[in-house]
Amino acid sequence: MSRLEMILSASLGLSVIFNIGIFVYARAAIARLLSVSEELGDLQQMVESFTEHLDAIYSLEMFYGDQTLEHLLNHARSFREQMETFEYIYELTVEEADIVDHDEEEEIAEGAQ
């Protein structure tokens, strides 16, 4: 084996190891991103639910016009609007879930025939 062949073999080996490492890292990073996306989606739903609940309480005759509740409601609405700026992140998993649901529906329809 000549010197050039040894250098090329070593370069090939290092390249393969490097590419495998990059692949493993990218896969782990994507898994973490999807996990964060799901959590942000859940947080958005919780904030939306809280805002709707607070709005319902504020609308009650007993609490209508209460300044503290009004400020809390405004703050909750503002927070919900701020959370909507992250919509592009949590939509990653929503679209994926819709695709999976659609595929499952097709499989069920095919099985029923």
C-alpha atoms as a PDB file:
ATOM      1  CA  MET A   1       0.000   0.000   0.000  1.00  0.00           C
ATOM      2  CA  SER A   2       1.516   3.305  -1.048  1.00  0.00           C
ATOM      3  CA  ARG A   3       1.643   6.465   1.005  1.00  0.00           C
ATOM      4  CA  LEU A   4      -1.113   8.078  -1.103  1.00  0.00           C
ATOM      5  CA  GLU A   5      -3.431   5.103  -0.594  1.00  0.00           C
ATOM      6  CA  MET A   6      -2.879   5.224   3.177  1.00  0.00           C
ATOM      7  CA  ILE A   7      -3.634   8.955   3.282  1.00  0.00           C
ATOM      8  CA  LEU A   8      -6.775   8.486   1.181  1.00  0.00           C
ATOM      9  CA  SER A   9      -7.907   5.543   3.329  1.00  0.00           C
ATOM     10  CA  ALA A  10      -7.374   7.534   6.522  1.00  0.00           C
ATOM     11  CA  SER A  11      -9.236  10.520   5.028  1.00  0.00           C
ATOM     12  CA  LEU A  12     -12.097   8.264   3.977  1.00  0.00           C
ATOM     13  CA  GLY A  13     -12.312   6.739   7.455  1.00  0.00           C
ATOM     14  CA  LEU A  14     -12.305  10.148   9.148  1.00  0.00           C
ATOM     15  CA  SER A  15     -14.908  11.429   6.695  1.00  0.00           C
ATOM     16  CA  VAL A  16     -17.215   8.470   7.360  1.00  0.00           C
ATOM     17  CA  ILE A  17     -16.871   8.901  11.137  1.00  0.00           C
ATOM     18  CA  PHE A  18     -17.469  12.650  10.840  1.00  0.00           C
ATOM     19  CA  ASN A  19     -20.577  12.171   8.664  1.00  0.00           C
ATOM     20  CA  ILE A  20     -22.025   9.588  11.038  1.00  0.00           C
ATOM     21  CA  GLY A  21     -21.428  11.981  13.939  1.00  0.00           C
ATOM     22  CA  ILE A  22     -23.150  14.844  12.113  1.00  0.00           C
ATOM     23  CA  PHE A  23     -26.094  12.580  11.260  1.00  0.00           C
ATOM     24  CA  VAL A  24     -26.520  11.463  14.882  1.00  0.00           C
ATOM     25  CA  TYR A  25     -26.247  15.065  16.139  1.00  0.00           C
ATOM     26  CA  ALA A  26     -28.762  16.355  13.564  1.00  0.00           C
ATOM     27  CA  ARG A  27     -31.221  13.617  14.421  1.00  0.00           C
ATOM     28  CA  ALA A  28     -30.951  14.396  18.154  1.00  0.00           C
ATOM     29  CA  ALA A  29     -31.347  18.131  17.494  1.00  0.00           C
ATOM     30  CA  ILE A  30     -34.482  17.544  15.425  1.00  0.00           C
ATOM     31  CA  ALA A  31     -35.934  15.315  18.144  1.00  0.00           C
ATOM     32  CA  ARG A  32     -35.351  18.069  20.727  1.00  0.00           C
ATOM     33  CA  LEU A  33     -36.892  20.675  18.406  1.00  0.00           C
ATOM     34  CA  LEU A  34     -40.011  18.572  17.953  1.00  0.00           C
ATOM     35  CA  SER A  35     -40.255  18.075  21.711  1.00  0.00           C
ATOM     36  CA  VAL A  36     -40.025  21.828  22.286  1.00  0.00           C
ATOM     37  CA  SER A  37     -42.588  22.365  19.544  1.00  0.00           C
ATOM     38  CA  GLU A  38     -45.065  20.055  21.258  1.00  0.00           C
ATOM     39  CA  GLU A  39     -44.513  21.742  24.607  1.00  0.00           C
ATOM     40  CA  LEU A  40     -45.044  25.207  23.107  1.00  0.00           C
ATOM     41  CA  GLY A  41     -48.264  23.993  21.518  1.00  0.00           C
ATOM     42  CA  ASP A  42     -49.471  22.704  24.872  1.00  0.00           C
ATOM     43  CA  LEU A  43     -48.509  25.987  26.538  1.00  0.00           C
ATOM     44  CA  GLN A  44     -50.401  27.939  23.874  1.00  0.00           C
ATOM     45  CA  GLN A  45     -53.515  25.849  24.497  1.00  0.00           C
ATOM     46  CA  MET A  46     -53.229  26.383  28.259  1.00  0.00           C
ATOM     47  CA  VAL A  47     -52.874  30.159  27.850  1.00  0.00           C
ATOM     48  CA  GLU A  48     -55.840  30.241  25.491  1.00  0.00           C
ATOM     49  CA  SER A  49     -57.943  28.222  27.925  1.00  0.00           C
ATOM     50  CA  PHE A  50     -56.911  30.462  30.829  1.00  0.00           C
ATOM     51  CA  THR A  51     -57.801  33.601  28.878  1.00  0.00           C
ATOM     52  CA  GLU A  52     -61.216  32.229  27.929  1.00  0.00           C
ATOM     53  CA  HIS A  53     -61.896  31.174  31.520  1.00  0.00           C
ATOM     54  CA  LEU A  54     -60.838  34.564  32.855  1.00  0.00           C
ATOM     55  CA  ASP A  55     -63.011  36.294  30.271  1.00  0.00           C
ATOM     56  CA  ALA A  56     -65.985  34.154  31.351  1.00  0.00           C
ATOM     57  CA  ILE A  57     -65.411  35.063  35.005  1.00  0.00           C
ATOM     58  CA  TYR A  58     -65.031  38.762  34.168  1.00  0.00           C
ATOM     59  CA  SER A  59     -68.314  38.622  32.238  1.00  0.00           C
ATOM     60  CA  LEU A  60     -70.199  37.432  35.315  1.00  0.00           C
ATOM     61  CA  GLU A  61     -72.442  40.089  36.798  1.00  0.00           C
ATOM     62  CA  MET A  62     -70.717  39.848  40.184  1.00  0.00           C
ATOM     63  CA  PHE A  63     -67.245  40.685  38.773  1.00  0.00           C
ATOM     64  CA  TYR A  64     -68.105  42.904  35.808  1.00  0.00           C
ATOM     65  CA  GLY A  65     -66.170  46.172  36.015  1.00  0.00           C
ATOM     66  CA  ASP A  66     -63.612  44.926  38.563  1.00  0.00           C
ATOM     67  CA  GLN A  67     -60.382  46.762  37.684  1.00  0.00           C
ATOM     68  CA  THR A  68     -58.084  44.022  38.972  1.00  0.00           C
ATOM     69  CA  LEU A  69     -59.784  41.352  36.854  1.00  0.00           C
ATOM     70  CA  GLU A  70     -59.872  43.687  33.878  1.00  0.00           C
ATOM     71  CA  HIS A  71     -56.099  44.259  34.090  1.00  0.00           C
ATOM     72  CA  LEU A  72     -55.505  40.539  34.574  1.00  0.00           C
ATOM     73  CA  LEU A  73     -57.659  39.796  31.530  1.00  0.00           C
ATOM     74  CA  ASN A  74     -55.780  42.373  29.446  1.00  0.00           C
ATOM     75  CA  HIS A  75     -52.498  40.862  30.585  1.00  0.00           C
ATOM     76  CA  ALA A  76     -53.682  37.346  29.668  1.00  0.00           C
ATOM     77  CA  ARG A  77     -54.764  38.545  26.216  1.00  0.00           C
ATOM     78  CA  SER A  78     -51.422  40.253  25.704  1.00  0.00           C
ATOM     79  CA  PHE A  79     -49.591  37.097  26.761  1.00  0.00           C
ATOM     80  CA  ARG A  80     -51.702  34.997  24.376  1.00  0.00           C
ATOM     81  CA  GLU A  81     -50.889  37.364  21.517  1.00  0.00           C
ATOM     82  CA  GLN A  82     -47.187  37.148  22.379  1.00  0.00           C
ATOM     83  CA  MET A  83     -47.403  33.345  22.369  1.00  0.00           C
ATOM     84  CA  GLU A  84     -48.885  33.472  18.865  1.00  0.00           C
ATOM     85  CA  THR A  85     -45.531  34.801  17.619  1.00  0.00           C
ATOM     86  CA  PHE A  86     -44.172  31.291  18.272  1.00  0.00           C
ATOM     87  CA  GLU A  87     -46.914  29.687  16.216  1.00  0.00           C
ATOM     88  CA  TYR A  88     -44.488  28.685  13.479  1.00  0.00           C
ATOM     89  CA  ILE A  89     -42.640  26.479  15.989  1.00  0.00           C
ATOM     90  CA  TYR A  90     -45.544  24.561  17.477  1.00  0.00           C
ATOM     91  CA  GLU A  91     -47.216  24.177  14.098  1.00  0.00           C
ATOM     92  CA  LEU A  92     -44.412  21.761  13.194  1.00  0.00           C
ATOM     93  CA  THR A  93     -45.966  19.049  15.321  1.00  0.00           C
ATOM     94  CA  VAL A  94     -49.566  20.050  14.578  1.00  0.00           C
ATOM     95  CA  GLU A  95     -49.002  19.527  10.835  1.00  0.00           C
ATOM     96  CA  GLU A  96     -47.236  16.237  11.543  1.00  0.00           C
ATOM     97  CA  ALA A  97     -50.131  15.067  13.727  1.00  0.00           C
ATOM     98  CA  ASP A  98     -52.630  16.013  11.013  1.00  0.00           C
ATOM     99  CA  ILE A  99     -50.689  13.959   8.450  1.00  0.00           C
ATOM    100  CA  VAL A 100     -50.596  10.967  10.787  1.00  0.00           C
ATOM    101  CA  ASP A 101     -54.342  11.300  11.533  1.00  0.00           C
ATOM    102  CA  HIS A 102     -55.121  11.508   7.817  1.00  0.00           C
ATOM    103  CA  ASP A 103     -53.017   8.401   7.090  1.00  0.00           C
ATOM    104  CA  GLU A 104     -54.775   6.493   9.894  1.00  0.00           C
ATOM    105  CA  GLU A 105     -58.192   7.497   8.534  1.00  0.00           C
ATOM    106  CA  GLU A 106     -57.210   6.224   5.076  1.00  0.00           C
ATOM    107  CA  GLU A 107     -56.056   2.914   6.542  1.00  0.00           C
ATOM    108  CA  ILE A 108     -59.331   2.528   8.457  1.00  0.00           C
ATOM    109  CA  ALA A 109     -61.352   3.348   5.323  1.00  0.00           C
ATOM    110  CA  GLU A 110     -59.373   0.804   3.301  1.00  0.00           C
ATOM    111  CA  GLY A 111     -59.844  -1.834   6.005  1.00  0.00           C
ATOM    112  CA  ALA A 112     -63.608  -1.274   6.072  1.00  0.00           C
ATOM    113  CA  GLN A 113     -63.943  -1.960   2.352  1.00  0.00           C
END
